[in-house]
Amino acid sequence: QVQLVESGGGLVQPGGSLRLSCAASRSIFSFNAMGWYRQAPGKQRALVAAIGTGGTTSYVDAVKGRFTISRDKAKNTVVLQMNSLKPEDTAVYYCNTASPLGPTADYWGQGTQVTVSS
């Protein structure tokens, strides 16, 4: 079973920054748009940022101007730089494919916990 491995989460104060990374096989990154999803307690998992194979990016309104998604083809990683973090950003963050059909069920990893609290 293929999984994507997320890392970089932690506890940070409001206004702080974190950098999340997602590692997987070259075949996944080379042929798929990739995205970062998050699931807060009591809420459904939702896409927050996506990047196409050509580098085009998109964000939900709640994170625009604060989060930046990028992909490193040499390292087969997708990175989410999160700045100006807010308590409402607290969630488990996952990466997965982000095609028009959505994420790939077999690719979900363990995620990485992000907690924003003073």
C-alpha atoms as a PDB file:
ATOM      1  CA  GLN A   1       0.000   0.000   0.000  1.00  0.00           C
ATOM      2  CA  VAL A   2       1.441   3.309  -1.055  1.00  0.00           C
ATOM      3  CA  GLN A   3       1.453   5.999   1.580  1.00  0.00           C
ATOM      4  CA  LEU A   4       2.523   9.560   1.730  1.00  0.00           C
ATOM      5  CA  VAL A   5       4.626  10.528   4.737  1.00  0.00           C
ATOM      6  CA  GLU A   6       3.969  13.896   6.299  1.00  0.00           C
ATOM      7  CA  SER A   7       6.255  15.668   8.753  1.00  0.00           C
ATOM      8  CA  GLY A   8       6.919  19.067  10.299  1.00  0.00           C
ATOM      9  CA  GLY A   9       3.927  19.616  12.537  1.00  0.00           C
ATOM     10  CA  GLY A  10       4.074  20.809  16.108  1.00  0.00           C
ATOM     11  CA  LEU A  11       2.888  23.305  18.683  1.00  0.00           C
ATOM     12  CA  VAL A  12       3.237  26.965  17.761  1.00  0.00           C
ATOM     13  CA  GLN A  13       1.939  30.239  19.160  1.00  0.00           C
ATOM     14  CA  PRO A  14      -0.522  32.370  17.201  1.00  0.00           C
ATOM     15  CA  GLY A  15       1.345  34.364  14.588  1.00  0.00           C
ATOM     16  CA  GLY A  16       4.064  31.753  14.303  1.00  0.00           C
ATOM     17  CA  SER A  17       5.171  29.623  11.360  1.00  0.00           C
ATOM     18  CA  LEU A  18       5.576  25.968  10.487  1.00  0.00           C
ATOM     19  CA  ARG A  19       6.868  24.151   7.427  1.00  0.00           C
ATOM     20  CA  LEU A  20       5.251  20.830   6.527  1.00  0.00           C
ATOM     21  CA  SER A  21       6.809  18.316   4.167  1.00  0.00           C
ATOM     22  CA  CYS A  22       5.328  15.343   2.329  1.00  0.00           C
ATOM     23  CA  ALA A  23       7.513  12.608   0.844  1.00  0.00           C
ATOM     24  CA  ALA A  24       6.469   9.916  -1.616  1.00  0.00           C
ATOM     25  CA  SER A  25       7.547   8.057  -4.712  1.00  0.00           C
ATOM     26  CA  ARG A  26       8.514   9.895  -7.863  1.00  0.00           C
ATOM     27  CA  SER A  27       5.649   8.315  -9.788  1.00  0.00           C
ATOM     28  CA  ILE A  28       3.079   9.959  -7.561  1.00  0.00           C
ATOM     29  CA  PHE A  29       4.520  13.452  -7.800  1.00  0.00           C
ATOM     30  CA  SER A  30       5.402  13.329 -11.458  1.00  0.00           C
ATOM     31  CA  PHE A  31       1.916  12.610 -12.737  1.00  0.00           C
ATOM     32  CA  ASN A  32      -0.417  14.130 -10.164  1.00  0.00           C
ATOM     33  CA  ALA A  33      -1.531  17.435  -8.849  1.00  0.00           C
ATOM     34  CA  MET A  34      -0.842  17.347  -5.128  1.00  0.00           C
ATOM     35  CA  GLY A  35      -2.608  18.929  -2.204  1.00  0.00           C
ATOM     36  CA  TRP A  36      -2.548  19.498   1.499  1.00  0.00           C
ATOM     37  CA  TYR A  37      -5.685  18.621   3.403  1.00  0.00           C
ATOM     38  CA  ARG A  38      -6.556  19.189   7.032  1.00  0.00           C
ATOM     39  CA  GLN A  39      -9.011  17.762   9.511  1.00  0.00           C
ATOM     40  CA  ALA A  40      -9.910  19.648  12.647  1.00  0.00           C
ATOM     41  CA  PRO A  41     -11.648  17.945  15.586  1.00  0.00           C
ATOM     42  CA  GLY A  42     -15.287  17.317  14.763  1.00  0.00           C
ATOM     43  CA  LYS A  43     -14.913  18.419  11.147  1.00  0.00           C
ATOM     44  CA  GLN A  44     -14.466  16.694   7.833  1.00  0.00           C
ATOM     45  CA  ARG A  45     -11.111  16.542   6.110  1.00  0.00           C
ATOM     46  CA  ALA A  46     -10.842  19.290   3.510  1.00  0.00           C
ATOM     47  CA  LEU A  47      -8.398  20.503   0.897  1.00  0.00           C
ATOM     48  CA  VAL A  48      -6.620  23.745   1.797  1.00  0.00           C
ATOM     49  CA  ALA A  49      -3.938  24.089  -0.886  1.00  0.00           C
ATOM     50  CA  ALA A  50      -3.082  22.392  -4.177  1.00  0.00           C
ATOM     51  CA  ILE A  51      -0.322  22.505  -6.764  1.00  0.00           C
ATOM     52  CA  GLY A  52      -0.470  21.184 -10.303  1.00  0.00           C
ATOM     53  CA  THR A  53       2.247  19.318 -12.147  1.00  0.00           C
ATOM     54  CA  GLY A  54       3.184  22.588 -13.855  1.00  0.00           C
ATOM     55  CA  GLY A  55       3.330  24.532 -10.604  1.00  0.00           C
ATOM     56  CA  THR A  56      -0.054  26.266 -10.665  1.00  0.00           C
ATOM     57  CA  THR A  57      -1.300  26.760  -7.118  1.00  0.00           C
ATOM     58  CA  SER A  58      -4.681  27.287  -5.483  1.00  0.00           C
ATOM     59  CA  TYR A  59      -5.794  27.951  -1.909  1.00  0.00           C
ATOM     60  CA  VAL A  60      -8.969  28.136   0.073  1.00  0.00           C
ATOM     61  CA  ASP A  61      -9.834  31.649   1.196  1.00  0.00           C
ATOM     62  CA  ALA A  62      -9.060  30.881   4.840  1.00  0.00           C
ATOM     63  CA  VAL A  63      -5.343  30.401   4.124  1.00  0.00           C
ATOM     64  CA  LYS A  64      -4.726  32.724   1.166  1.00  0.00           C
ATOM     65  CA  GLY A  65      -1.823  35.048   1.785  1.00  0.00           C
ATOM     66  CA  ARG A  66      -0.596  32.967   4.728  1.00  0.00           C
ATOM     67  CA  PHE A  67       0.152  29.508   3.307  1.00  0.00           C
ATOM     68  CA  THR A  68       2.377  28.648   0.366  1.00  0.00           C
ATOM     69  CA  ILE A  69       2.467  25.254  -1.323  1.00  0.00           C
ATOM     70  CA  SER A  70       5.440  24.170  -3.426  1.00  0.00           C
ATOM     71  CA  ARG A  71       6.912  21.026  -4.885  1.00  0.00           C
ATOM     72  CA  ASP A  72      10.539  19.909  -5.015  1.00  0.00           C
ATOM     73  CA  LYS A  73      10.901  17.563  -7.953  1.00  0.00           C
ATOM     74  CA  ALA A  74      14.473  16.601  -7.045  1.00  0.00           C
ATOM     75  CA  LYS A  75      13.409  15.449  -3.595  1.00  0.00           C
ATOM     76  CA  ASN A  76       9.926  14.197  -4.532  1.00  0.00           C
ATOM     77  CA  THR A  77       8.390  16.308  -1.804  1.00  0.00           C
ATOM     78  CA  VAL A  78       5.529  18.734  -1.455  1.00  0.00           C
ATOM     79  CA  VAL A  79       5.971  21.518   1.065  1.00  0.00           C
ATOM     80  CA  LEU A  80       3.419  23.682   2.841  1.00  0.00           C
ATOM     81  CA  GLN A  81       4.856  26.831   4.372  1.00  0.00           C
ATOM     82  CA  MET A  82       2.422  28.184   6.940  1.00  0.00           C
ATOM     83  CA  ASN A  83       2.846  31.712   8.276  1.00  0.00           C
ATOM     84  CA  SER A  84       0.737  33.914  10.552  1.00  0.00           C
ATOM     85  CA  LEU A  85      -0.848  30.843  12.042  1.00  0.00           C
ATOM     86  CA  LYS A  86      -4.165  31.141  13.849  1.00  0.00           C
ATOM     87  CA  PRO A  87      -5.823  28.903  16.437  1.00  0.00           C
ATOM     88  CA  GLU A  88      -8.366  27.878  13.793  1.00  0.00           C
ATOM     89  CA  ASP A  89      -5.520  26.346  11.770  1.00  0.00           C
ATOM     90  CA  THR A  90      -5.229  23.654  14.431  1.00  0.00           C
ATOM     91  CA  ALA A  91      -5.769  20.302  12.722  1.00  0.00           C
ATOM     92  CA  VAL A  92      -4.119  17.143  11.481  1.00  0.00           C
ATOM     93  CA  TYR A  93      -2.583  17.907   8.090  1.00  0.00           C
ATOM     94  CA  TYR A  94      -2.328  15.344   5.316  1.00  0.00           C
ATOM     95  CA  CYS A  95      -1.039  15.376   1.772  1.00  0.00           C
ATOM     96  CA  ASN A  96      -2.572  13.466  -1.103  1.00  0.00           C
ATOM     97  CA  THR A  97      -3.325  13.818  -4.783  1.00  0.00           C
ATOM     98  CA  ALA A  98      -5.588  16.701  -5.735  1.00  0.00           C
ATOM     99  CA  SER A  99      -7.028  15.853  -9.120  1.00  0.00           C
ATOM    100  CA  PRO A 100     -10.579  16.803 -10.130  1.00  0.00           C
ATOM    101  CA  LEU A 101     -11.565  13.401  -8.766  1.00  0.00           C
ATOM    102  CA  GLY A 102     -10.142  14.339  -5.394  1.00  0.00           C
ATOM    103  CA  PRO A 103      -7.687  12.462  -3.177  1.00  0.00           C
ATOM    104  CA  THR A 104      -6.604   8.865  -3.662  1.00  0.00           C
ATOM    105  CA  ALA A 105      -7.993   6.682  -0.899  1.00  0.00           C
ATOM    106  CA  ASP A 106      -4.997   4.340  -0.790  1.00  0.00           C
ATOM    107  CA  TYR A 107      -2.501   7.185  -0.322  1.00  0.00           C
ATOM    108  CA  TRP A 108      -3.595   8.560   3.068  1.00  0.00           C
ATOM    109  CA  GLY A 109      -0.781   8.596   5.584  1.00  0.00           C
ATOM    110  CA  GLN A 110      -0.765   9.293   9.310  1.00  0.00           C
ATOM    111  CA  GLY A 111      -0.779  13.036   8.910  1.00  0.00           C
ATOM    112  CA  THR A 112       1.023  15.549  11.078  1.00  0.00           C
ATOM    113  CA  GLN A 113      -0.561  17.432  13.968  1.00  0.00           C
ATOM    114  CA  VAL A 114      -0.477  21.214  13.933  1.00  0.00           C
ATOM    115  CA  THR A 115      -1.559  22.954  17.113  1.00  0.00           C
ATOM    116  CA  VAL A 116      -1.739  26.732  17.325  1.00  0.00           C
ATOM    117  CA  SER A 117      -2.143  27.874  20.889  1.00  0.00           C
ATOM    118  CA  SER A 118      -0.738  30.334  23.356  1.00  0.00           C
END
